[in-house]
Amino acid sequence: MLVLTRKMGEVVTIGDQIRIKVVEMKGNQVRLGIEAPGEMRIYREEIYLKVQRENQLAAGWNLSDLESAVTYLAAGNKE
Protein backbone atom coordinates (compact mmCIF):
# COMPACT_ATOMS: atom_id res chain seq x y z
CA MET A 1 0.00 0.00 0.00
CA LEU A 2 1.28 3.43 -0.91
CA VAL A 3 0.67 5.99 1.83
CA LEU A 4 0.81 9.68 0.87
CA THR A 5 0.42 12.96 2.68
CA ARG A 6 -1.44 15.63 0.73
CA LYS A 7 -2.50 19.19 1.55
CA MET A 8 -5.70 20.96 0.53
CA GLY A 9 -5.94 21.22 -3.25
CA GLU A 10 -3.12 18.77 -3.94
CA VAL A 11 -3.68 15.94 -6.40
CA VAL A 12 -2.64 12.31 -6.75
CA THR A 13 -2.57 10.94 -10.31
CA ILE A 14 -3.08 7.25 -11.07
CA GLY A 15 -2.09 6.30 -14.59
CA ASP A 16 -3.12 8.67 -17.36
CA GLN A 17 -6.82 8.86 -16.58
CA ILE A 18 -7.41 9.10 -12.83
CA ARG A 19 -6.87 12.17 -10.63
CA ILE A 20 -7.74 12.35 -6.94
CA LYS A 21 -7.82 15.80 -5.37
CA VAL A 22 -8.17 16.79 -1.70
CA VAL A 23 -11.11 19.23 -1.85
CA GLU A 24 -11.98 19.66 1.84
CA MET A 25 -10.73 18.71 5.27
CA LYS A 26 -13.11 18.96 8.23
CA GLY A 27 -12.23 17.43 11.59
CA ASN A 28 -11.24 13.82 11.02
CA GLN A 29 -12.83 13.67 7.55
CA VAL A 30 -11.30 14.36 4.16
CA ARG A 31 -13.37 15.01 1.02
CA LEU A 32 -11.82 13.76 -2.18
CA GLY A 33 -12.70 14.70 -5.74
CA ILE A 34 -12.11 11.94 -8.27
CA GLU A 35 -11.74 12.52 -12.00
CA ALA A 36 -11.94 9.31 -14.02
CA PRO A 37 -13.41 8.12 -17.33
CA GLY A 38 -17.19 7.84 -17.26
CA GLU A 39 -17.14 4.10 -17.97
CA MET A 40 -15.03 3.48 -14.86
CA ARG A 41 -17.13 2.59 -11.82
CA ILE A 42 -16.09 4.20 -8.54
CA TYR A 43 -17.61 2.96 -5.27
CA ARG A 44 -17.10 3.55 -1.58
CA GLU A 45 -15.71 0.28 -0.23
CA GLU A 46 -18.82 -0.62 1.80
CA ILE A 47 -20.98 -0.23 -1.32
CA TYR A 48 -18.50 -2.21 -3.45
CA LEU A 49 -18.57 -5.08 -0.95
CA LYS A 50 -22.39 -5.06 -0.92
CA VAL A 51 -22.48 -5.19 -4.74
CA GLN A 52 -20.02 -8.11 -4.68
CA ARG A 53 -22.21 -10.03 -2.17
CA GLU A 54 -25.34 -9.40 -4.24
CA ASN A 55 -23.56 -10.60 -7.38
CA GLN A 56 -22.45 -13.78 -5.62
CA LEU A 57 -26.01 -14.45 -4.45
CA ALA A 58 -27.36 -13.86 -7.95
CA ALA A 59 -24.74 -16.20 -9.40
CA GLY A 60 -25.96 -18.90 -7.02
CA TRP A 61 -29.27 -19.20 -8.88
CA ASN A 62 -29.56 -21.94 -11.43
CA LEU A 63 -31.93 -22.75 -14.27
CA SER A 64 -34.05 -25.09 -12.18
CA ASP A 65 -34.83 -22.19 -9.80
CA LEU A 66 -36.12 -20.14 -12.74
CA GLU A 67 -38.10 -23.08 -14.14
CA SER A 68 -39.73 -23.63 -10.73
CA ALA A 69 -40.71 -19.96 -10.52
CA VAL A 70 -42.19 -19.99 -14.05
CA THR A 71 -44.14 -23.18 -13.31
CA TYR A 72 -45.42 -21.71 -10.05
CA LEU A 73 -46.59 -18.51 -11.76
CA ALA A 74 -48.10 -20.41 -14.71
CA ALA A 75 -50.24 -22.39 -12.25
CA GLY A 76 -51.94 -19.13 -11.30
CA ASN A 77 -49.99 -18.36 -8.15
CA LYS A 78 -49.33 -14.62 -8.21
CA GLU A 79 -47.46 -14.16 -4.93
C-alpha atoms as a PDB file:
ATOM      1  CA  MET A   1       0.000   0.000   0.000  1.00  0.00           C
ATOM      2  CA  LEU A   2       1.282   3.426  -0.914  1.00  0.00           C
ATOM      3  CA  VAL A   3       0.669   5.994   1.831  1.00  0.00           C
ATOM      4  CA  LEU A   4       0.814   9.676   0.873  1.00  0.00           C
ATOM      5  CA  THR A   5       0.425  12.958   2.681  1.00  0.00           C
ATOM      6  CA  ARG A   6      -1.439  15.632   0.725  1.00  0.00           C
ATOM      7  CA  LYS A   7      -2.500  19.191   1.553  1.00  0.00           C
ATOM      8  CA  MET A   8      -5.702  20.957   0.530  1.00  0.00           C
ATOM      9  CA  GLY A   9      -5.935  21.222  -3.248  1.00  0.00           C
ATOM     10  CA  GLU A  10      -3.122  18.769  -3.936  1.00  0.00           C
ATOM     11  CA  VAL A  11      -3.675  15.941  -6.400  1.00  0.00           C
ATOM     12  CA  VAL A  12      -2.641  12.311  -6.751  1.00  0.00           C
ATOM     13  CA  THR A  13      -2.570  10.935 -10.307  1.00  0.00           C
ATOM     14  CA  ILE A  14      -3.078   7.246 -11.071  1.00  0.00           C
ATOM     15  CA  GLY A  15      -2.085   6.297 -14.593  1.00  0.00           C
ATOM     16  CA  ASP A  16      -3.116   8.670 -17.361  1.00  0.00           C
ATOM     17  CA  GLN A  17      -6.824   8.860 -16.580  1.00  0.00           C
ATOM     18  CA  ILE A  18      -7.415   9.103 -12.829  1.00  0.00           C
ATOM     19  CA  ARG A  19      -6.865  12.166 -10.633  1.00  0.00           C
ATOM     20  CA  ILE A  20      -7.739  12.349  -6.941  1.00  0.00           C
ATOM     21  CA  LYS A  21      -7.817  15.795  -5.370  1.00  0.00           C
ATOM     22  CA  VAL A  22      -8.173  16.789  -1.703  1.00  0.00           C
ATOM     23  CA  VAL A  23     -11.108  19.225  -1.854  1.00  0.00           C
ATOM     24  CA  GLU A  24     -11.983  19.662   1.836  1.00  0.00           C
ATOM     25  CA  MET A  25     -10.734  18.711   5.272  1.00  0.00           C
ATOM     26  CA  LYS A  26     -13.113  18.964   8.226  1.00  0.00           C
ATOM     27  CA  GLY A  27     -12.231  17.433  11.586  1.00  0.00           C
ATOM     28  CA  ASN A  28     -11.241  13.823  11.016  1.00  0.00           C
ATOM     29  CA  GLN A  29     -12.828  13.670   7.547  1.00  0.00           C
ATOM     30  CA  VAL A  30     -11.300  14.359   4.155  1.00  0.00           C
ATOM     31  CA  ARG A  31     -13.371  15.006   1.021  1.00  0.00           C
ATOM     32  CA  LEU A  32     -11.824  13.757  -2.183  1.00  0.00           C
ATOM     33  CA  GLY A  33     -12.700  14.704  -5.740  1.00  0.00           C
ATOM     34  CA  ILE A  34     -12.109  11.939  -8.269  1.00  0.00           C
ATOM     35  CA  GLU A  35     -11.735  12.520 -11.995  1.00  0.00           C
ATOM     36  CA  ALA A  36     -11.937   9.311 -14.021  1.00  0.00           C
ATOM     37  CA  PRO A  37     -13.412   8.120 -17.329  1.00  0.00           C
ATOM     38  CA  GLY A  38     -17.193   7.839 -17.258  1.00  0.00           C
ATOM     39  CA  GLU A  39     -17.140   4.100 -17.971  1.00  0.00           C
ATOM     40  CA  MET A  40     -15.034   3.476 -14.857  1.00  0.00           C
ATOM     41  CA  ARG A  41     -17.129   2.595 -11.815  1.00  0.00           C
ATOM     42  CA  ILE A  42     -16.093   4.201  -8.537  1.00  0.00           C
ATOM     43  CA  TYR A  43     -17.609   2.960  -5.274  1.00  0.00           C
ATOM     44  CA  ARG A  44     -17.100   3.547  -1.584  1.00  0.00           C
ATOM     45  CA  GLU A  45     -15.706   0.283  -0.228  1.00  0.00           C
ATOM     46  CA  GLU A  46     -18.821  -0.620   1.797  1.00  0.00           C
ATOM     47  CA  ILE A  47     -20.978  -0.226  -1.325  1.00  0.00           C
ATOM     48  CA  TYR A  48     -18.503  -2.206  -3.449  1.00  0.00           C
ATOM     49  CA  LEU A  49     -18.570  -5.084  -0.946  1.00  0.00           C
ATOM     50  CA  LYS A  50     -22.389  -5.062  -0.918  1.00  0.00           C
ATOM     51  CA  VAL A  51     -22.477  -5.192  -4.737  1.00  0.00           C
ATOM     52  CA  GLN A  52     -20.017  -8.111  -4.677  1.00  0.00           C
ATOM     53  CA  ARG A  53     -22.206 -10.034  -2.166  1.00  0.00           C
ATOM     54  CA  GLU A  54     -25.341  -9.402  -4.236  1.00  0.00           C
ATOM     55  CA  ASN A  55     -23.557 -10.598  -7.381  1.00  0.00           C
ATOM     56  CA  GLN A  56     -22.449 -13.779  -5.621  1.00  0.00           C
ATOM     57  CA  LEU A  57     -26.009 -14.450  -4.450  1.00  0.00           C
ATOM     58  CA  ALA A  58     -27.357 -13.860  -7.950  1.00  0.00           C
ATOM     59  CA  ALA A  59     -24.742 -16.195  -9.397  1.00  0.00           C
ATOM     60  CA  GLY A  60     -25.958 -18.898  -7.017  1.00  0.00           C
ATOM     61  CA  TRP A  61     -29.269 -19.198  -8.881  1.00  0.00           C
ATOM     62  CA  ASN A  62     -29.557 -21.944 -11.430  1.00  0.00           C
ATOM     63  CA  LEU A  63     -31.930 -22.753 -14.273  1.00  0.00           C
ATOM     64  CA  SER A  64     -34.049 -25.093 -12.175  1.00  0.00           C
ATOM     65  CA  ASP A  65     -34.831 -22.188  -9.798  1.00  0.00           C
ATOM     66  CA  LEU A  66     -36.122 -20.139 -12.742  1.00  0.00           C
ATOM     67  CA  GLU A  67     -38.103 -23.079 -14.138  1.00  0.00           C
ATOM     68  CA  SER A  68     -39.729 -23.631 -10.732  1.00  0.00           C
ATOM     69  CA  ALA A  69     -40.714 -19.959 -10.515  1.00  0.00           C
ATOM     70  CA  VAL A  70     -42.190 -19.986 -14.045  1.00  0.00           C
ATOM     71  CA  THR A  71     -44.144 -23.184 -13.310  1.00  0.00           C
ATOM     72  CA  TYR A  72     -45.424 -21.707 -10.053  1.00  0.00           C
ATOM     73  CA  LEU A  73     -46.593 -18.508 -11.759  1.00  0.00           C
ATOM     74  CA  ALA A  74     -48.098 -20.409 -14.705  1.00  0.00           C
ATOM     75  CA  ALA A  75     -50.236 -22.388 -12.253  1.00  0.00           C
ATOM     76  CA  GLY A  76     -51.942 -19.132 -11.298  1.00  0.00           C
ATOM     77  CA  ASN A  77     -49.993 -18.359  -8.147  1.00  0.00           C
ATOM     78  CA  LYS A  78     -49.331 -14.623  -8.206  1.00  0.00           C
ATOM     79  CA  GLU A  79     -47.463 -14.163  -4.929  1.00  0.00           C
END
